Amino acid sequence: MTMVNERTRSVVQTWEFLRDLSRNESLPESIRIQAKRLLRHYPEPAAIWLAGKAEEARRADKHGPLHPALGLWLVTDPLFCHESPD
């Protein structure tokens, strides 16, 4: 079973990997273009950590209930955590 911090780190590292691919001039242009296309819709690390904070706040109920639309998004196990492993 994947832990929340492992899943978060993996998503952040995937963003970094795609970014590195998109900038690597030694790769074929088609690979760089595909990496750029994927990055266009991929959440940046700051957004990933922020999502983790939102999930933890909802679970701790520190800030009261979330808007129903956001609450539906977070009904399952946490997807992200807010702490960087570094």
PDB file of N, CA and C in Angstrom:
ATOM      1  N   MET A   1       0.845  -1.179   0.000  1.00  0.00           N
ATOM      2  CA  MET A   1       0.000   0.000   0.000  1.00  0.00           C
ATOM      3  C   MET A   1       0.893   1.247   0.000  1.00  0.00           C
ATOM      4  N   THR A   2       0.598   2.166  -0.864  1.00  0.00           N
ATOM      5  CA  THR A   2       1.360   3.401  -0.973  1.00  0.00           C
ATOM      6  C   THR A   2       0.963   4.347   0.147  1.00  0.00           C
ATOM      7  N   MET A   3       1.970   4.895   0.798  1.00  0.00           N
ATOM      8  CA  MET A   3       1.721   5.895   1.833  1.00  0.00           C
ATOM      9  C   MET A   3       1.482   7.247   1.157  1.00  0.00           C
ATOM     10  N   VAL A   4       0.785   8.138   1.855  1.00  0.00           N
ATOM     11  CA  VAL A   4       0.440   9.443   1.292  1.00  0.00           C
ATOM     12  C   VAL A   4       1.695  10.226   0.910  1.00  0.00           C
ATOM     13  N   ASN A   5       2.703  10.217   1.776  1.00  0.00           N
ATOM     14  CA  ASN A   5       3.914  10.979   1.458  1.00  0.00           C
ATOM     15  C   ASN A   5       4.653  10.383   0.264  1.00  0.00           C
ATOM     16  N   GLU A   6       4.600   9.064   0.084  1.00  0.00           N
ATOM     17  CA  GLU A   6       5.225   8.428  -1.076  1.00  0.00           C
ATOM     18  C   GLU A   6       4.505   8.826  -2.366  1.00  0.00           C
ATOM     19  N   ARG A   7       3.190   8.843  -2.303  1.00  0.00           N
ATOM     20  CA  ARG A   7       2.393   9.218  -3.482  1.00  0.00           C
ATOM     21  C   ARG A   7       2.652  10.672  -3.850  1.00  0.00           C
ATOM     22  N   THR A   8       2.703  11.543  -2.857  1.00  0.00           N
ATOM     23  CA  THR A   8       2.967  12.956  -3.109  1.00  0.00           C
ATOM     24  C   THR A   8       4.338  13.152  -3.732  1.00  0.00           C
ATOM     25  N   ARG A   9       5.343  12.525  -3.138  1.00  0.00           N
ATOM     26  CA  ARG A   9       6.709  12.641  -3.656  1.00  0.00           C
ATOM     27  C   ARG A   9       6.783  12.121  -5.090  1.00  0.00           C
ATOM     28  N   SER A  10       6.078  11.045  -5.387  1.00  0.00           N
ATOM     29  CA  SER A  10       6.086  10.485  -6.732  1.00  0.00           C
ATOM     30  C   SER A  10       5.483  11.451  -7.753  1.00  0.00           C
ATOM     31  N   VAL A  11       4.405  12.118  -7.385  1.00  0.00           N
ATOM     32  CA  VAL A  11       3.767  13.075  -8.303  1.00  0.00           C
ATOM     33  C   VAL A  11       4.699  14.268  -8.546  1.00  0.00           C
ATOM     34  N   VAL A  12       5.340  14.752  -7.490  1.00  0.00           N
ATOM     35  CA  VAL A  12       6.283  15.864  -7.643  1.00  0.00           C
ATOM     36  C   VAL A  12       7.467  15.435  -8.499  1.00  0.00           C
ATOM     37  N   GLN A  13       7.996  14.255  -8.257  1.00  0.00           N
ATOM     38  CA  GLN A  13       9.137  13.774  -9.034  1.00  0.00           C
ATOM     39  C   GLN A  13       8.765  13.535 -10.493  1.00  0.00           C
ATOM     40  N   THR A  14       7.531  13.154 -10.755  1.00  0.00           N
ATOM     41  CA  THR A  14       7.090  12.984 -12.140  1.00  0.00           C
ATOM     42  C   THR A  14       7.075  14.329 -12.856  1.00  0.00           C
ATOM     43  N   TRP A  15       6.610  15.378 -12.180  1.00  0.00           N
ATOM     44  CA  TRP A  15       6.648  16.723 -12.769  1.00  0.00           C
ATOM     45  C   TRP A  15       8.084  17.101 -13.103  1.00  0.00           C
ATOM     46  N   GLU A  16       8.995  16.848 -12.158  1.00  0.00           N
ATOM     47  CA  GLU A  16      10.411  17.179 -12.384  1.00  0.00           C
ATOM     48  C   GLU A  16      10.985  16.371 -13.555  1.00  0.00           C
ATOM     49  N   PHE A  17      10.610  15.109 -13.650  1.00  0.00           N
ATOM     50  CA  PHE A  17      11.080  14.250 -14.734  1.00  0.00           C
ATOM     51  C   PHE A  17      10.590  14.754 -16.092  1.00  0.00           C
ATOM     52  N   LEU A  18       9.310  15.091 -16.166  1.00  0.00           N
ATOM     53  CA  LEU A  18       8.761  15.623 -17.415  1.00  0.00           C
ATOM     54  C   LEU A  18       9.430  16.944 -17.794  1.00  0.00           C
ATOM     55  N   ARG A  19       9.657  17.792 -16.808  1.00  0.00           N
ATOM     56  CA  ARG A  19      10.345  19.056 -17.066  1.00  0.00           C
ATOM     57  C   ARG A  19      11.745  18.795 -17.622  1.00  0.00           C
ATOM     58  N   ASP A  20      12.467  17.861 -17.004  1.00  0.00           N
ATOM     59  CA  ASP A  20      13.812  17.535 -17.468  1.00  0.00           C
ATOM     60  C   ASP A  20      13.788  16.969 -18.882  1.00  0.00           C
ATOM     61  N   LEU A  21      12.819  16.112 -19.171  1.00  0.00           N
ATOM     62  CA  LEU A  21      12.697  15.569 -20.530  1.00  0.00           C
ATOM     63  C   LEU A  21      12.448  16.684 -21.539  1.00  0.00           C
ATOM     64  N   SER A  22      11.568  17.614 -21.170  1.00  0.00           N
ATOM     65  CA  SER A  22      11.214  18.684 -22.105  1.00  0.00           C
ATOM     66  C   SER A  22      12.385  19.604 -22.422  1.00  0.00           C
ATOM     67  N   ARG A  23      13.387  19.632 -21.545  1.00  0.00           N
ATOM     68  CA  ARG A  23      14.541  20.510 -21.728  1.00  0.00           C
ATOM     69  C   ARG A  23      15.782  19.794 -22.273  1.00  0.00           C
ATOM     70  N   ASN A  24      15.721  18.500 -22.377  1.00  0.00           N
ATOM     71  CA  ASN A  24      16.894  17.717 -22.767  1.00  0.00           C
ATOM     72  C   ASN A  24      17.076  17.740 -24.284  1.00  0.00           C
ATOM     73  N   GLU A  25      18.029  18.509 -24.735  1.00  0.00           N
ATOM     74  CA  GLU A  25      18.286  18.675 -26.174  1.00  0.00           C
ATOM     75  C   GLU A  25      18.814  17.402 -26.841  1.00  0.00           C
ATOM     76  N   SER A  26      19.292  16.450 -26.051  1.00  0.00           N
ATOM     77  CA  SER A  26      19.818  15.211 -26.646  1.00  0.00           C
ATOM     78  C   SER A  26      18.702  14.236 -27.015  1.00  0.00           C
ATOM     79  N   LEU A  27      17.480  14.502 -26.557  1.00  0.00           N
ATOM     80  CA  LEU A  27      16.343  13.638 -26.886  1.00  0.00           C
ATOM     81  C   LEU A  27      15.692  14.077 -28.190  1.00  0.00           C
ATOM     82  N   PRO A  28      15.000  13.162 -28.844  1.00  0.00           N
ATOM     83  CA  PRO A  28      14.275  13.553 -30.061  1.00  0.00           C
ATOM     84  C   PRO A  28      13.238  14.638 -29.753  1.00  0.00           C
ATOM     85  N   GLU A  29      13.019  15.479 -30.727  1.00  0.00           N
ATOM     86  CA  GLU A  29      12.063  16.580 -30.551  1.00  0.00           C
ATOM     87  C   GLU A  29      10.673  16.073 -30.191  1.00  0.00           C
ATOM     88  N   SER A  30      10.260  14.950 -30.746  1.00  0.00           N
ATOM     89  CA  SER A  30       8.925  14.415 -30.458  1.00  0.00           C
ATOM     90  C   SER A  30       8.752  14.096 -28.974  1.00  0.00           C
ATOM     91  N   ILE A  31       9.799  13.595 -28.335  1.00  0.00           N
ATOM     92  CA  ILE A  31       9.748  13.295 -26.903  1.00  0.00           C
ATOM     93  C   ILE A  31       9.652  14.594 -26.104  1.00  0.00           C
ATOM     94  N   ARG A  32      10.443  15.581 -26.468  1.00  0.00           N
ATOM     95  CA  ARG A  32      10.416  16.869 -25.760  1.00  0.00           C
ATOM     96  C   ARG A  32       9.054  17.546 -25.900  1.00  0.00           C
ATOM     97  N   ILE A  33       8.483  17.466 -27.087  1.00  0.00           N
ATOM     98  CA  ILE A  33       7.166  18.069 -27.325  1.00  0.00           C
ATOM     99  C   ILE A  33       6.101  17.367 -26.497  1.00  0.00           C
ATOM    100  N   GLN A  34       6.151  16.043 -26.463  1.00  0.00           N
ATOM    101  CA  GLN A  34       5.163  15.289 -25.678  1.00  0.00           C
ATOM    102  C   GLN A  34       5.288  15.615 -24.186  1.00  0.00           C
ATOM    103  N   ALA A  35       6.509  15.724 -23.690  1.00  0.00           N
ATOM    104  CA  ALA A  35       6.710  16.084 -22.288  1.00  0.00           C
ATOM    105  C   ALA A  35       6.135  17.479 -22.010  1.00  0.00           C
ATOM    106  N   LYS A  36       6.342  18.420 -22.917  1.00  0.00           N
ATOM    107  CA  LYS A  36       5.784  19.768 -22.747  1.00  0.00           C
ATOM    108  C   LYS A  36       4.268  19.746 -22.750  1.00  0.00           C
ATOM    109  N   ARG A  37       3.673  18.928 -23.615  1.00  0.00           N
ATOM    110  CA  ARG A  37       2.206  18.822 -23.660  1.00  0.00           C
ATOM    111  C   ARG A  37       1.665  18.280 -22.342  1.00  0.00           C
ATOM    112  N   LEU A  38       2.326  17.267 -21.802  1.00  0.00           N
ATOM    113  CA  LEU A  38       1.877  16.699 -20.532  1.00  0.00           C
ATOM    114  C   LEU A  38       2.041  17.696 -19.390  1.00  0.00           C
ATOM    115  N   LEU A  39       3.123  18.432 -19.397  1.00  0.00           N
ATOM    116  CA  LEU A  39       3.363  19.415 -18.343  1.00  0.00           C
ATOM    117  C   LEU A  39       2.342  20.543 -18.355  1.00  0.00           C
ATOM    118  N   ARG A  40       1.818  20.844 -19.510  1.00  0.00           N
ATOM    119  CA  ARG A  40       0.862  21.947 -19.630  1.00  0.00           C
ATOM    120  C   ARG A  40      -0.335  21.743 -18.699  1.00  0.00           C
ATOM    121  N   HIS A  41      -0.715  20.485 -18.457  1.00  0.00           N
ATOM    122  CA  HIS A  41      -1.897  20.194 -17.639  1.00  0.00           C
ATOM    123  C   HIS A  41      -1.540  19.484 -16.345  1.00  0.00           C
ATOM    124  N   TYR A  42      -0.273  19.370 -16.057  1.00  0.00           N
ATOM    125  CA  TYR A  42       0.185  18.667 -14.856  1.00  0.00           C
ATOM    126  C   TYR A  42       0.343  19.675 -13.726  1.00  0.00           C
ATOM    127  N   PRO A  43      -0.090  19.348 -12.521  1.00  0.00           N
ATOM    128  CA  PRO A  43       0.041  20.324 -11.435  1.00  0.00           C
ATOM    129  C   PRO A  43       1.501  20.556 -11.055  1.00  0.00           C
ATOM    130  N   GLU A  44       1.846  21.812 -10.829  1.00  0.00           N
ATOM    131  CA  GLU A  44       3.207  22.143 -10.392  1.00  0.00           C
ATOM    132  C   GLU A  44       3.367  21.726  -8.936  1.00  0.00           C
ATOM    133  N   PRO A  45       4.612  21.501  -8.508  1.00  0.00           N
ATOM    134  CA  PRO A  45       4.840  21.052  -7.136  1.00  0.00           C
ATOM    135  C   PRO A  45       4.155  21.901  -6.066  1.00  0.00           C
ATOM    136  N   ALA A  46       4.169  23.213  -6.208  1.00  0.00           N
ATOM    137  CA  ALA A  46       3.524  24.067  -5.202  1.00  0.00           C
ATOM    138  C   ALA A  46       2.032  23.751  -5.082  1.00  0.00           C
ATOM    139  N   ALA A  47       1.376  23.479  -6.198  1.00  0.00           N
ATOM    140  CA  ALA A  47      -0.047  23.136  -6.179  1.00  0.00           C
ATOM    141  C   ALA A  47      -0.273  21.773  -5.531  1.00  0.00           C
ATOM    142  N   ILE A  48       0.656  20.865  -5.737  1.00  0.00           N
ATOM    143  CA  ILE A  48       0.536  19.533  -5.141  1.00  0.00           C
ATOM    144  C   ILE A  48       0.632  19.627  -3.618  1.00  0.00           C
ATOM    145  N   TRP A  49       1.639  20.387  -3.131  1.00  0.00           N
ATOM    146  CA  TRP A  49       1.779  20.540  -1.679  1.00  0.00           C
ATOM    147  C   TRP A  49       0.570  21.281  -1.098  1.00  0.00           C
ATOM    148  N   LEU A  50       0.038  22.263  -1.823  1.00  0.00           N
ATOM    149  CA  LEU A  50      -1.142  22.993  -1.355  1.00  0.00           C
ATOM    150  C   LEU A  50      -2.352  22.069  -1.261  1.00  0.00           C
ATOM    151  N   ALA A  51      -2.495  21.169  -2.219  1.00  0.00           N
ATOM    152  CA  ALA A  51      -3.598  20.200  -2.167  1.00  0.00           C
ATOM    153  C   ALA A  51      -3.466  19.321  -0.927  1.00  0.00           C
ATOM    154  N   GLY A  52      -2.234  18.966  -0.588  1.00  0.00           N
ATOM    155  CA  GLY A  52      -2.014  18.182   0.626  1.00  0.00           C
ATOM    156  C   GLY A  52      -2.435  18.937   1.873  1.00  0.00           C
ATOM    157  N   LYS A  53      -2.111  20.218   1.923  1.00  0.00           N
ATOM    158  CA  LYS A  53      -2.521  21.036   3.063  1.00  0.00           C
ATOM    159  C   LYS A  53      -4.044  21.101   3.160  1.00  0.00           C
ATOM    160  N   ALA A  54      -4.706  21.260   2.030  1.00  0.00           N
ATOM    161  CA  ALA A  54      -6.173  21.334   2.014  1.00  0.00           C
ATOM    162  C   ALA A  54      -6.785  20.034   2.510  1.00  0.00           C
ATOM    163  N   GLU A  55      -6.230  18.909   2.082  1.00  0.00           N
ATOM    164  CA  GLU A  55      -6.744  17.616   2.534  1.00  0.00           C
ATOM    165  C   GLU A  55      -6.560  17.446   4.039  1.00  0.00           C
ATOM    166  N   GLU A  56      -5.385  17.797   4.527  1.00  0.00           N
ATOM    167  CA  GLU A  56      -5.127  17.646   5.957  1.00  0.00           C
ATOM    168  C   GLU A  56      -6.002  18.585   6.774  1.00  0.00           C
ATOM    169  N   ALA A  57      -6.223  19.792   6.301  1.00  0.00           N
ATOM    170  CA  ALA A  57      -7.083  20.740   7.005  1.00  0.00           C
ATOM    171  C   ALA A  57      -8.516  20.215   7.061  1.00  0.00           C
ATOM    172  N   ARG A  58      -8.968  19.643   5.954  1.00  0.00           N
ATOM    173  CA  ARG A  58     -10.327  19.097   5.936  1.00  0.00           C
ATOM    174  C   ARG A  58     -10.460  17.949   6.910  1.00  0.00           C
ATOM    175  N   ARG A  59      -9.456  17.096   6.948  1.00  0.00           N
ATOM    176  CA  ARG A  59      -9.510  15.943   7.846  1.00  0.00           C
ATOM    177  C   ARG A  59      -9.426  16.367   9.313  1.00  0.00           C
ATOM    178  N   ALA A  60      -8.661  17.402   9.583  1.00  0.00           N
ATOM    179  CA  ALA A  60      -8.523  17.893  10.950  1.00  0.00           C
ATOM    180  C   ALA A  60      -9.681  18.825  11.327  1.00  0.00           C
ATOM    181  N   ASP A  61     -10.439  19.278  10.326  1.00  0.00           N
ATOM    182  CA  ASP A  61     -11.570  20.186  10.502  1.00  0.00           C
ATOM    183  C   ASP A  61     -11.149  21.466  11.227  1.00  0.00           C
ATOM    184  N   LYS A  62      -9.915  21.911  10.982  1.00  0.00           N
ATOM    185  CA  LYS A  62      -9.403  23.121  11.617  1.00  0.00           C
ATOM    186  C   LYS A  62     -10.101  24.374  11.117  1.00  0.00           C
ATOM    187  N   HIS A  63     -10.486  24.395   9.873  1.00  0.00           N
ATOM    188  CA  HIS A  63     -11.027  25.600   9.252  1.00  0.00           C
ATOM    189  C   HIS A  63     -12.502  25.446   8.914  1.00  0.00           C
ATOM    190  N   GLY A  64     -13.159  24.513   9.530  1.00  0.00           N
ATOM    191  CA  GLY A  64     -14.560  24.284   9.244  1.00  0.00           C
ATOM    192  C   GLY A  64     -14.732  23.468   7.973  1.00  0.00           C
ATOM    193  N   PRO A  65     -15.938  23.139   7.643  1.00  0.00           N
ATOM    194  CA  PRO A  65     -16.176  22.306   6.459  1.00  0.00           C
ATOM    195  C   PRO A  65     -15.834  23.038   5.169  1.00  0.00           C
ATOM    196  N   LEU A  66     -15.398  22.278   4.211  1.00  0.00           N
ATOM    197  CA  LEU A  66     -15.113  22.835   2.888  1.00  0.00           C
ATOM    198  C   LEU A  66     -16.405  23.025   2.116  1.00  0.00           C
ATOM    199  N   HIS A  67     -16.327  23.812   1.060  1.00  0.00           N
ATOM    200  CA  HIS A  67     -17.443  23.940   0.131  1.00  0.00           C
ATOM    201  C   HIS A  67     -17.794  22.531  -0.343  1.00  0.00           C
ATOM    202  N   PRO A  68     -19.080  22.202  -0.533  1.00  0.00           N
ATOM    203  CA  PRO A  68     -19.457  20.848  -0.933  1.00  0.00           C
ATOM    204  C   PRO A  68     -18.726  20.326  -2.177  1.00  0.00           C
ATOM    205  N   ALA A  69     -18.466  21.199  -3.135  1.00  0.00           N
ATOM    206  CA  ALA A  69     -17.762  20.741  -4.342  1.00  0.00           C
ATOM    207  C   ALA A  69     -16.354  20.263  -4.000  1.00  0.00           C
ATOM    208  N   LEU A  70     -15.669  20.978  -3.109  1.00  0.00           N
ATOM    209  CA  LEU A  70     -14.333  20.566  -2.703  1.00  0.00           C
ATOM    210  C   LEU A  70     -14.387  19.340  -1.802  1.00  0.00           C
ATOM    211  N   GLY A  71     -15.398  19.268  -0.973  1.00  0.00           N
ATOM    212  CA  GLY A  71     -15.541  18.108  -0.100  1.00  0.00           C
ATOM    213  C   GLY A  71     -15.712  16.814  -0.884  1.00  0.00           C
ATOM    214  N   LEU A  72     -16.441  16.867  -1.980  1.00  0.00           N
ATOM    215  CA  LEU A  72     -16.613  15.678  -2.819  1.00  0.00           C
ATOM    216  C   LEU A  72     -15.301  15.234  -3.438  1.00  0.00           C
ATOM    217  N   TRP A  73     -14.450  16.194  -3.749  1.00  0.00           N
ATOM    218  CA  TRP A  73     -13.160  15.888  -4.367  1.00  0.00           C
ATOM    219  C   TRP A  73     -12.259  15.121  -3.411  1.00  0.00           C
ATOM    220  N   LEU A  74     -12.453  15.340  -2.110  1.00  0.00           N
ATOM    221  CA  LEU A  74     -11.551  14.776  -1.116  1.00  0.00           C
ATOM    222  C   LEU A  74     -12.204  13.682  -0.257  1.00  0.00           C
ATOM    223  N   VAL A  75     -13.149  12.934  -0.794  1.00  0.00           N
ATOM    224  CA  VAL A  75     -13.860  11.953   0.017  1.00  0.00           C
ATOM    225  C   VAL A  75     -13.102  10.654   0.208  1.00  0.00           C
ATOM    226  N   THR A  76     -12.099  10.404  -0.568  1.00  0.00           N
ATOM    227  CA  THR A  76     -11.357   9.162  -0.438  1.00  0.00           C
ATOM    228  C   THR A  76     -10.121   9.367   0.425  1.00  0.00           C
ATOM    229  N   ASP A  77      -9.242   8.385   0.465  1.00  0.00           N
ATOM    230  CA  ASP A  77      -7.980   8.534   1.188  1.00  0.00           C
ATOM    231  C   ASP A  77      -7.230   9.724   0.643  1.00  0.00           C
ATOM    232  N   PRO A  78      -6.369  10.321   1.446  1.00  0.00           N
ATOM    233  CA  PRO A  78      -5.612  11.480   0.969  1.00  0.00           C
ATOM    234  C   PRO A  78      -4.832  11.145  -0.292  1.00  0.00           C
ATOM    235  N   LEU A  79      -4.802  12.087  -1.204  1.00  0.00           N
ATOM    236  CA  LEU A  79      -4.036  11.915  -2.428  1.00  0.00           C
ATOM    237  C   LEU A  79      -2.643  12.492  -2.269  1.00  0.00           C
ATOM    238  N   PHE A  80      -2.535  13.627  -1.581  1.00  0.00           N
ATOM    239  CA  PHE A  80      -1.261  14.302  -1.409  1.00  0.00           C
ATOM    240  C   PHE A  80      -1.027  14.636   0.057  1.00  0.00           C
ATOM    241  N   CYS A  81       0.218  14.868   0.405  1.00  0.00           N
ATOM    242  CA  CYS A  81       0.541  15.393   1.721  1.00  0.00           C
ATOM    243  C   CYS A  81       1.202  16.755   1.518  1.00  0.00           C
ATOM    244  N   HIS A  82       1.346  17.523   2.589  1.00  0.00           N
ATOM    245  CA  HIS A  82       1.864  18.886   2.439  1.00  0.00           C
ATOM    246  C   HIS A  82       3.325  19.022   2.805  1.00  0.00           C
ATOM    247  N   GLU A  83       3.959  17.990   3.320  1.00  0.00           N
ATOM    248  CA  GLU A  83       5.349  18.124   3.743  1.00  0.00           C
ATOM    249  C   GLU A  83       6.295  17.542   2.719  1.00  0.00           C
ATOM    250  N   SER A  84       7.275  18.311   2.356  1.00  0.00           N
ATOM    251  CA  SER A  84       8.305  17.838   1.448  1.00  0.00           C
ATOM    252  C   SER A  84       9.213  16.871   2.192  1.00  0.00           C
ATOM    253  N   PRO A  85       9.632  15.772   1.541  1.00  0.00           N
ATOM    254  CA  PRO A  85      10.490  14.805   2.222  1.00  0.00           C
ATOM    255  C   PRO A  85      11.899  15.305   2.442  1.00  0.00           C
ATOM    256  N   ASP A  86      12.256  16.444   1.850  1.00  0.00           N
ATOM    257  CA  ASP A  86      13.616  16.971   1.984  1.00  0.00           C
ATOM    258  C   ASP A  86      13.860  17.605   3.313  1.00  0.00           C
TER     259      ASP A  86
END
